[in-house]
C-alpha atoms as a PDB file:
ATOM      1  CA  MET A   1     -81.926  19.607  25.005  1.00  0.00           C
ATOM      2  CA  THR A   2     -84.946  21.007  26.847  1.00  0.00           C
ATOM      3  CA  PHE A   3     -88.282  21.230  25.038  1.00  0.00           C
ATOM      4  CA  PHE A   4     -88.354  25.036  25.375  1.00  0.00           C
ATOM      5  CA  LYS A   5     -85.716  27.694  24.884  1.00  0.00           C
ATOM      6  CA  ALA A   6     -86.253  31.447  24.775  1.00  0.00           C
ATOM      7  CA  ILE A   7     -85.279  33.094  21.476  1.00  0.00           C
ATOM      8  CA  GLU A   8     -82.219  35.358  21.492  1.00  0.00           C
ATOM      9  CA  LYS A   9     -83.107  38.367  19.345  1.00  0.00           C
ATOM     10  CA  ASP A  10     -79.543  39.285  18.390  1.00  0.00           C
ATOM     11  CA  GLU A  11     -78.278  35.756  17.772  1.00  0.00           C
ATOM     12  CA  ILE A  12     -79.011  32.936  15.368  1.00  0.00           C
ATOM     13  CA  ASN A  13     -81.189  30.345  17.116  1.00  0.00           C
ATOM     14  CA  PHE A  14     -80.814  26.699  16.079  1.00  0.00           C
ATOM     15  CA  LEU A  15     -83.734  24.869  17.656  1.00  0.00           C
ATOM     16  CA  GLY A  16     -83.909  21.103  17.273  1.00  0.00           C
ATOM     17  CA  GLU A  17     -83.096  20.225  13.660  1.00  0.00           C
ATOM     18  CA  GLY A  18     -84.468  23.523  12.334  1.00  0.00           C
ATOM     19  CA  LEU A  19     -87.874  24.980  11.455  1.00  0.00           C
ATOM     20  CA  ASN A  20     -89.465  23.153   8.520  1.00  0.00           C
ATOM     21  CA  ILE A  21     -90.434  25.579   5.731  1.00  0.00           C
ATOM     22  CA  ARG A  22     -92.103  23.450   3.088  1.00  0.00           C
ATOM     23  CA  ASN A  23     -92.089  24.359  -0.569  1.00  0.00           C
ATOM     24  CA  ASP A  24     -95.437  22.868  -1.584  1.00  0.00           C
ATOM     25  CA  CYS A  25     -94.990  22.432  -5.325  1.00  0.00           C
ATOM     26  CA  GLN A  26     -98.477  21.056  -5.786  1.00  0.00           C
ATOM     27  CA  THR A  27    -100.044  24.410  -4.869  1.00  0.00           C
ATOM     28  CA  GLY A  28     -97.126  26.867  -5.150  1.00  0.00           C
ATOM     29  CA  THR A  29     -97.323  27.716  -1.447  1.00  0.00           C
ATOM     30  CA  TRP A  30     -94.708  28.199   1.243  1.00  0.00           C
ATOM     31  CA  LYS A  31     -95.771  26.462   4.435  1.00  0.00           C
ATOM     32  CA  MET A  32     -94.502  26.382   7.990  1.00  0.00           C
ATOM     33  CA  ASN A  33     -94.718  22.635   8.504  1.00  0.00           C
ATOM     34  CA  THR A  34     -98.360  22.177   7.350  1.00  0.00           C
ATOM     35  CA  SER A  35     -99.636  25.756   7.895  1.00  0.00           C
ATOM     36  CA  PRO A  36     -99.731  27.995   4.773  1.00  0.00           C
ATOM     37  CA  LEU A  37     -97.469  31.061   4.913  1.00  0.00           C
ATOM     38  CA  THR A  38     -97.522  32.741   1.521  1.00  0.00           C
ATOM     39  CA  LYS A  39     -97.469  32.214  -2.227  1.00  0.00           C
ATOM     40  CA  LYS A  40     -95.182  35.213  -2.640  1.00  0.00           C
ATOM     41  CA  PRO A  41     -91.374  34.950  -2.950  1.00  0.00           C
ATOM     42  CA  ILE A  42     -89.347  34.675   0.246  1.00  0.00           C
ATOM     43  CA  GLU A  43     -85.816  35.991   0.810  1.00  0.00           C
ATOM     44  CA  ILE A  44     -83.272  33.865   2.648  1.00  0.00           C
ATOM     45  CA  VAL A  45     -79.596  33.472   3.488  1.00  0.00           C
ATOM     46  CA  ILE A  46     -78.104  30.011   2.905  1.00  0.00           C
ATOM     47  CA  LEU A  47     -76.211  28.470   5.822  1.00  0.00           C
ATOM     48  CA  GLU A  48     -75.484  24.923   4.649  1.00  0.00           C
ATOM     49  CA  THR A  49     -76.784  22.124   2.436  1.00  0.00           C
ATOM     50  CA  ASP A  50     -76.822  18.341   2.482  1.00  0.00           C
ATOM     51  CA  THR A  51     -77.611  15.796  -0.238  1.00  0.00           C
ATOM     52  CA  LEU A  52     -79.937  12.910   0.598  1.00  0.00           C
ATOM     53  CA  GLU A  53     -81.292   9.973  -1.372  1.00  0.00           C
ATOM     54  CA  GLY A  54     -84.657   8.388  -0.737  1.00  0.00           C
ATOM     55  CA  ASN A  55     -88.360   9.119  -0.912  1.00  0.00           C
ATOM     56  CA  PHE A  56     -91.349   9.781   1.324  1.00  0.00           C
ATOM     57  CA  TYR A  57     -93.589   7.193  -0.317  1.00  0.00           C
ATOM     58  CA  ALA A  58     -93.072   3.481  -0.873  1.00  0.00           C
ATOM     59  CA  ASP A  59     -94.469   3.562  -4.420  1.00  0.00           C
ATOM     60  CA  ALA A  60     -91.783   5.952  -5.736  1.00  0.00           C
ATOM     61  CA  GLU A  61     -88.194   5.280  -6.723  1.00  0.00           C
ATOM     62  CA  PRO A  62     -85.358   6.738  -4.590  1.00  0.00           C
ATOM     63  CA  THR A  63     -84.624  10.337  -5.579  1.00  0.00           C
ATOM     64  CA  LEU A  64     -81.811  12.791  -4.900  1.00  0.00           C
ATOM     65  CA  TRP A  65     -82.857  15.610  -2.562  1.00  0.00           C
ATOM     66  CA  LYS A  66     -81.032  18.692  -1.364  1.00  0.00           C
ATOM     67  CA  GLN A  67     -81.741  19.852   2.164  1.00  0.00           C
ATOM     68  CA  ILE A  68     -81.122  23.580   2.517  1.00  0.00           C
ATOM     69  CA  TRP A  69     -80.633  25.208   5.919  1.00  0.00           C
ATOM     70  CA  PHE A  70     -81.161  28.951   5.974  1.00  0.00           C
ATOM     71  CA  VAL A  71     -82.273  31.989   7.935  1.00  0.00           C
ATOM     72  CA  ALA A  72     -84.626  34.736   6.862  1.00  0.00           C
ATOM     73  CA  ALA A  73     -83.052  37.737   5.145  1.00  0.00           C
ATOM     74  CA  PRO A  74     -83.268  40.934   7.254  1.00  0.00           C
ATOM     75  CA  ASN A  75     -86.333  42.300   5.445  1.00  0.00           C
ATOM     76  CA  GLU A  76     -88.206  39.012   5.161  1.00  0.00           C
ATOM     77  CA  LYS A  77     -91.602  39.251   6.911  1.00  0.00           C
ATOM     78  CA  GLU A  78     -93.111  35.758   6.544  1.00  0.00           C
ATOM     79  CA  ILE A  79     -90.379  33.711   8.257  1.00  0.00           C
ATOM     80  CA  PRO A  80     -89.222  34.231  11.879  1.00  0.00           C
ATOM     81  CA  GLN A  81     -86.015  36.235  12.072  1.00  0.00           C
ATOM     82  CA  ASN A  82     -82.773  34.682  13.378  1.00  0.00           C
ATOM     83  CA  VAL A  83     -84.159  31.132  13.468  1.00  0.00           C
ATOM     84  CA  VAL A  84     -82.497  28.333  11.500  1.00  0.00           C
ATOM     85  CA  CYS A  85     -84.963  26.881   8.980  1.00  0.00           C
ATOM     86  CA  TYR A  86     -84.747  24.233   6.297  1.00  0.00           C
ATOM     87  CA  THR A  87     -86.473  23.108   3.150  1.00  0.00           C
ATOM     88  CA  VAL A  88     -85.898  20.185   0.783  1.00  0.00           C
ATOM     89  CA  VAL A  89     -85.855  20.261  -3.013  1.00  0.00           C
ATOM     90  CA  LYS A  90     -85.506  17.703  -5.806  1.00  0.00           C
ATOM     91  CA  THR A  91     -85.659  17.381  -9.617  1.00  0.00           C
ATOM     92  CA  GLU A  92     -86.092  20.734 -11.388  1.00  0.00           C
ATOM     93  CA  SER A  93     -86.043  22.763  -8.179  1.00  0.00           C
ATOM     94  CA  LEU A  94     -82.769  21.088  -7.173  1.00  0.00           C
ATOM     95  CA  SER A  95     -81.251  21.879 -10.564  1.00  0.00           C
ATOM     96  CA  ASN A  96     -82.403  25.504 -10.261  1.00  0.00           C
ATOM     97  CA  PHE A  97     -80.782  25.772  -6.841  1.00  0.00           C
ATOM     98  CA  GLU A  98     -77.455  24.309  -7.947  1.00  0.00           C
ATOM     99  CA  GLN A  99     -77.252  26.618 -10.966  1.00  0.00           C
ATOM    100  CA  ALA A 100     -78.001  29.652  -8.796  1.00  0.00           C
ATOM    101  CA  MET A 101     -75.264  28.652  -6.338  1.00  0.00           C
ATOM    102  CA  ILE A 102     -72.724  28.277  -9.139  1.00  0.00           C
ATOM    103  CA  LEU A 103     -73.462  31.833 -10.261  1.00  0.00           C
ATOM    104  CA  ALA A 104     -73.259  33.039  -6.656  1.00  0.00           C
ATOM    105  CA  GLN A 105     -69.788  31.541  -6.274  1.00  0.00           C
ATOM    106  CA  VAL A 106     -68.696  33.277  -9.467  1.00  0.00           C
ATOM    107  CA  ASN A 107     -69.915  36.683  -8.298  1.00  0.00           C
ATOM    108  CA  TYR A 108     -69.388  36.728  -4.507  1.00  0.00           C
ATOM    109  CA  LYS A 109     -66.560  35.954  -2.096  1.00  0.00           C
ATOM    110  CA  SER A 110     -68.718  34.802   0.824  1.00  0.00           C
ATOM    111  CA  LYS A 111     -72.072  33.029   1.094  1.00  0.00           C
ATOM    112  CA  PHE A 112     -73.220  35.827   3.387  1.00  0.00           C
ATOM    113  CA  ASP A 113     -72.572  38.548   0.813  1.00  0.00           C
ATOM    114  CA  PHE A 114     -75.789  37.799  -1.046  1.00  0.00           C
ATOM    115  CA  ILE A 115     -79.515  37.250  -0.522  1.00  0.00           C
ATOM    116  CA  VAL A 116     -81.470  34.496  -2.275  1.00  0.00           C
ATOM    117  CA  GLU A 117     -85.018  35.134  -3.477  1.00  0.00           C
ATOM    118  CA  CYS A 118     -87.015  31.894  -3.695  1.00  0.00           C
ATOM    119  CA  SER A 119     -90.214  31.833  -5.721  1.00  0.00           C
ATOM    120  CA  PHE A 120     -92.565  29.444  -7.489  1.00  0.00           C
ATOM    121  CA  GLU A 121     -92.999  29.113 -11.245  1.00  0.00           C
ATOM    122  CA  SER A 122     -95.906  27.127 -12.659  1.00  0.00           C
ATOM    123  CA  ARG A 123     -95.440  24.146 -14.952  1.00  0.00           C
ATOM    124  CA  SER A 124     -97.980  22.070 -16.875  1.00  0.00           C
ATOM    125  CA  TYR A 125     -98.061  18.380 -17.708  1.00  0.00           C
ATOM    126  CA  SER A 126    -100.203  15.795 -19.472  1.00  0.00           C
ATOM    127  CA  SER A 127    -100.838  12.433 -17.815  1.00  0.00           C
ATOM    128  CA  PRO A 128    -100.818   9.108 -19.702  1.00  0.00           C
ATOM    129  CA  ASP A 129    -104.624   9.128 -19.771  1.00  0.00           C
ATOM    130  CA  GLY A 130    -104.703  12.543 -21.479  1.00  0.00           C
ATOM    131  CA  LYS A 131    -105.533  14.692 -18.476  1.00  0.00           C
ATOM    132  CA  ASN A 132    -103.732  18.017 -18.068  1.00  0.00           C
ATOM    133  CA  GLY A 133    -102.412  19.270 -14.763  1.00  0.00           C
ATOM    134  CA  GLN A 134    -100.208  21.874 -13.113  1.00  0.00           C
ATOM    135  CA  TYR A 135     -97.403  21.863 -10.580  1.00  0.00           C
ATOM    136  CA  TYR A 136     -94.746  24.358  -9.497  1.00  0.00           C
ATOM    137  CA  ALA A 137     -90.964  24.460  -9.423  1.00  0.00           C
ATOM    138  CA  VAL A 138     -88.894  26.591  -7.054  1.00  0.00           C
ATOM    139  CA  THR A 139     -86.574  29.143  -8.649  1.00  0.00           C
ATOM    140  CA  PHE A 140     -83.650  30.843  -6.909  1.00  0.00           C
ATOM    141  CA  ASN A 141     -82.400  34.332  -7.771  1.00  0.00           C
ATOM    142  CA  VAL A 142     -79.328  35.804  -6.132  1.00  0.00           C
ATOM    143  CA  ARG A 143     -78.856  39.485  -5.393  1.00  0.00           C
ATOM    144  CA  GLU A 144     -76.298  41.574  -3.518  1.00  0.00           C
ATOM    145  CA  ARG A 145     -77.069  42.774   0.003  1.00  0.00           C
ATOM    146  CA  ASN A 146     -77.893  46.425   0.337  1.00  0.00           C
ATOM    147  CA  ASP A 147     -76.322  48.536   3.102  1.00  0.00           C
ATOM    148  CA  SER A 148     -79.230  48.093   5.518  1.00  0.00           C
ATOM    149  CA  GLU A 149     -78.877  44.292   5.313  1.00  0.00           C
ATOM    150  CA  LYS A 150     -75.140  44.070   6.007  1.00  0.00           C
ATOM    151  CA  ALA A 151     -75.398  44.188   9.811  1.00  0.00           C
ATOM    152  CA  GLN A 152     -76.721  40.614   9.733  1.00  0.00           C
ATOM    153  CA  ILE A 153     -73.386  39.328   8.423  1.00  0.00           C
ATOM    154  CA  LYS A 154     -71.621  39.629  11.806  1.00  0.00           C
ATOM    155  CA  ILE A 155     -74.416  37.713  13.525  1.00  0.00           C
ATOM    156  CA  LEU A 156     -74.155  34.957  10.915  1.00  0.00           C
ATOM    157  CA  GLU A 157     -70.368  34.746  11.154  1.00  0.00           C
ATOM    158  CA  LYS A 158     -70.565  34.483  14.953  1.00  0.00           C
ATOM    159  CA  PHE A 159     -73.066  31.636  14.666  1.00  0.00           C
ATOM    160  CA  MET A 160     -71.018  29.713  12.097  1.00  0.00           C
ATOM    161  CA  SER A 161     -67.831  30.113  14.158  1.00  0.00           C
ATOM    162  CA  LYS A 162     -69.403  27.713  16.663  1.00  0.00           C
ATOM    163  CA  THR A 163     -69.446  25.036  13.900  1.00  0.00           C
ATOM    164  CA  PRO A 164     -73.116  24.064  14.294  1.00  0.00           C
ATOM    165  CA  LYS A 165     -74.016  20.530  13.247  1.00  0.00           C
ATOM    166  CA  PHE A 166     -76.404  20.557  10.299  1.00  0.00           C
ATOM    167  CA  SER A 167     -77.997  17.139  10.196  1.00  0.00           C
ATOM    168  CA  ASN A 168     -81.589  15.958  10.043  1.00  0.00           C
ATOM    169  CA  GLN A 169     -81.625  12.509  11.602  1.00  0.00           C
ATOM    170  CA  GLU A 170     -85.423  12.392  11.605  1.00  0.00           C
ATOM    171  CA  LEU A 171     -85.540  12.895   7.834  1.00  0.00           C
ATOM    172  CA  LYS A 172     -82.830  10.296   7.208  1.00  0.00           C
ATOM    173  CA  GLN A 173     -84.650   7.815   9.417  1.00  0.00           C
ATOM    174  CA  ARG A 174     -87.859   8.500   7.518  1.00  0.00           C
ATOM    175  CA  PHE A 175     -86.160   7.609   4.244  1.00  0.00           C
ATOM    176  CA  LYS A 176     -84.789   4.393   5.760  1.00  0.00           C
ATOM    177  CA  SER A 177     -88.217   3.405   7.078  1.00  0.00           C
ATOM    178  CA  VAL A 178     -89.871   4.046   3.700  1.00  0.00           C
ATOM    179  CA  ALA A 179     -87.172   1.991   1.949  1.00  0.00           C
ATOM    180  CA  LYS A 180     -87.911  -0.963   4.250  1.00  0.00           C
ATOM    181  CA  GLU A 181     -91.666  -0.538   3.707  1.00  0.00           C
ATOM    182  CA  LYS A 182     -91.138  -0.405  -0.053  1.00  0.00           C
ATOM    183  CA  ALA A 183     -89.135  -3.638   0.017  1.00  0.00           C
ATOM    184  CA  PHE A 184     -91.813  -5.345   2.110  1.00  0.00           C
ATOM    185  CA  LEU A 185     -94.657  -4.203  -0.158  1.00  0.00           C
ATOM    186  CA  GLU A 186     -92.834  -5.213  -3.318  1.00  0.00           C
ATOM    187  CA  GLU A 187     -92.269  -8.709  -1.934  1.00  0.00           C
ATOM    188  CA  SER A 188     -95.808  -9.211  -0.661  1.00  0.00           C
ATOM    189  CA  MET A 189     -98.185  -7.193  -2.889  1.00  0.00           C
ATOM    190  CA  PRO A 190     -98.741  -6.564  -6.627  1.00  0.00           C
ATOM    191  CA  THR A 191     -97.741  -3.111  -7.875  1.00  0.00           C
ATOM    192  CA  LYS A 192    -101.365  -2.244  -8.671  1.00  0.00           C
ATOM    193  CA  TYR A 193    -102.381  -2.867  -5.081  1.00  0.00           C
ATOM    194  CA  ILE A 194     -99.473  -0.864  -3.695  1.00  0.00           C
ATOM    195  CA  THR A 195    -100.448   2.126  -5.852  1.00  0.00           C
ATOM    196  CA  ALA A 196    -104.099   1.909  -4.852  1.00  0.00           C
ATOM    197  CA  HIS A 197    -103.147   1.413  -1.216  1.00  0.00           C
ATOM    198  CA  VAL A 198    -101.049   4.567  -1.264  1.00  0.00           C
ATOM    199  CA  ARG A 199    -103.724   6.597  -3.035  1.00  0.00           C
ATOM    200  CA  ASP A 200    -106.359   5.422  -0.547  1.00  0.00           C
ATOM    201  CA  GLY A 201    -104.473   7.217   2.190  1.00  0.00           C
ATOM    202  CA  TYR A 202    -102.027   4.684   3.620  1.00  0.00           C
ATOM    203  CA  TYR A 203     -99.368   7.315   3.046  1.00  0.00           C
ATOM    204  CA  SER A 204    -100.605  10.783   3.874  1.00  0.00           C
ATOM    205  CA  ALA A 205    -100.292  13.524   1.250  1.00  0.00           C
ATOM    206  CA  ALA A 206    -100.185  15.954   4.167  1.00  0.00           C
ATOM    207  CA  ASP A 207     -96.752  14.694   5.178  1.00  0.00           C
ATOM    208  CA  PRO A 208     -94.980  17.605   6.924  1.00  0.00           C
ATOM    209  CA  TYR A 209     -91.840  17.057   4.841  1.00  0.00           C
ATOM    210  CA  PHE A 210     -93.557  16.722   1.477  1.00  0.00           C
ATOM    211  CA  GLY A 211     -92.769  19.751  -0.601  1.00  0.00           C
ATOM    212  CA  GLU A 212     -91.855  18.707  -4.111  1.00  0.00           C
ATOM    213  CA  GLU A 213     -93.766  17.578  -7.151  1.00  0.00           C
ATOM    214  CA  ASP A 214     -94.550  13.880  -6.703  1.00  0.00           C
ATOM    215  CA  ASP A 215     -93.740  11.119  -9.206  1.00  0.00           C
ATOM    216  CA  GLU A 216     -97.479  10.769  -9.807  1.00  0.00           C
ATOM    217  CA  LEU A 217     -97.265  10.113 -13.517  1.00  0.00           C
ATOM    218  CA  LYS A 218     -94.708   7.356 -13.032  1.00  0.00           C
ATOM    219  CA  VAL A 219     -96.867   5.776 -10.356  1.00  0.00           C
ATOM    220  CA  ALA A 220     -99.977   5.930 -12.549  1.00  0.00           C
ATOM    221  CA  ALA A 221     -98.147   4.302 -15.422  1.00  0.00           C
ATOM    222  CA  LYS A 222     -96.744   1.525 -13.214  1.00  0.00           C
ATOM    223  CA  GLY A 223    -100.175   0.738 -11.813  1.00  0.00           C
ATOM    224  CA  LYS A 224    -101.754   0.028 -15.186  1.00  0.00           C
END
């Protein structure tokens, strides 16, 4: 694959492993990699999903994640049109997604018959030391396409007929690397030091994949 390919306006463009649209659940912000896009809801069309297990940080236990590949709905303004994107969700956001997809299967015959609105809802928590905080969960609401949005269906069906390969090898490799690092740290360093080491910036909170609420409370409790 060459490093540059011109975008086809009337086709679905699958560049690399997809454009990373982060759901930053610490701030309730959609981001394109690390650049903020919007705090408002976005509308998408689901192409495919994959379930992964792992974590981005060596001080957290392996977690189930769902990687969601999608394209922008026809009237979506914040995300580039006709470009395959992805985001990853876990915990409450993952549960919200799975419930929404069950309802979609009950009400629609094809995954291209509906549009998914993705938005943030705030949540509050109390830490073991009594401090209060806030994070966000992603919610997914399904609606029927209106007439002006139905022309996109043919473009999507043409793209899927080519059986594109939805796989993020970079993300899977990242999980494997973190698992090895976690094993090394657990063998060679006390848990307190690992936690402090992570919080001092050994693992960057600006990770381009990081998009879900972290296991911060669990980490804080372990480190005491």
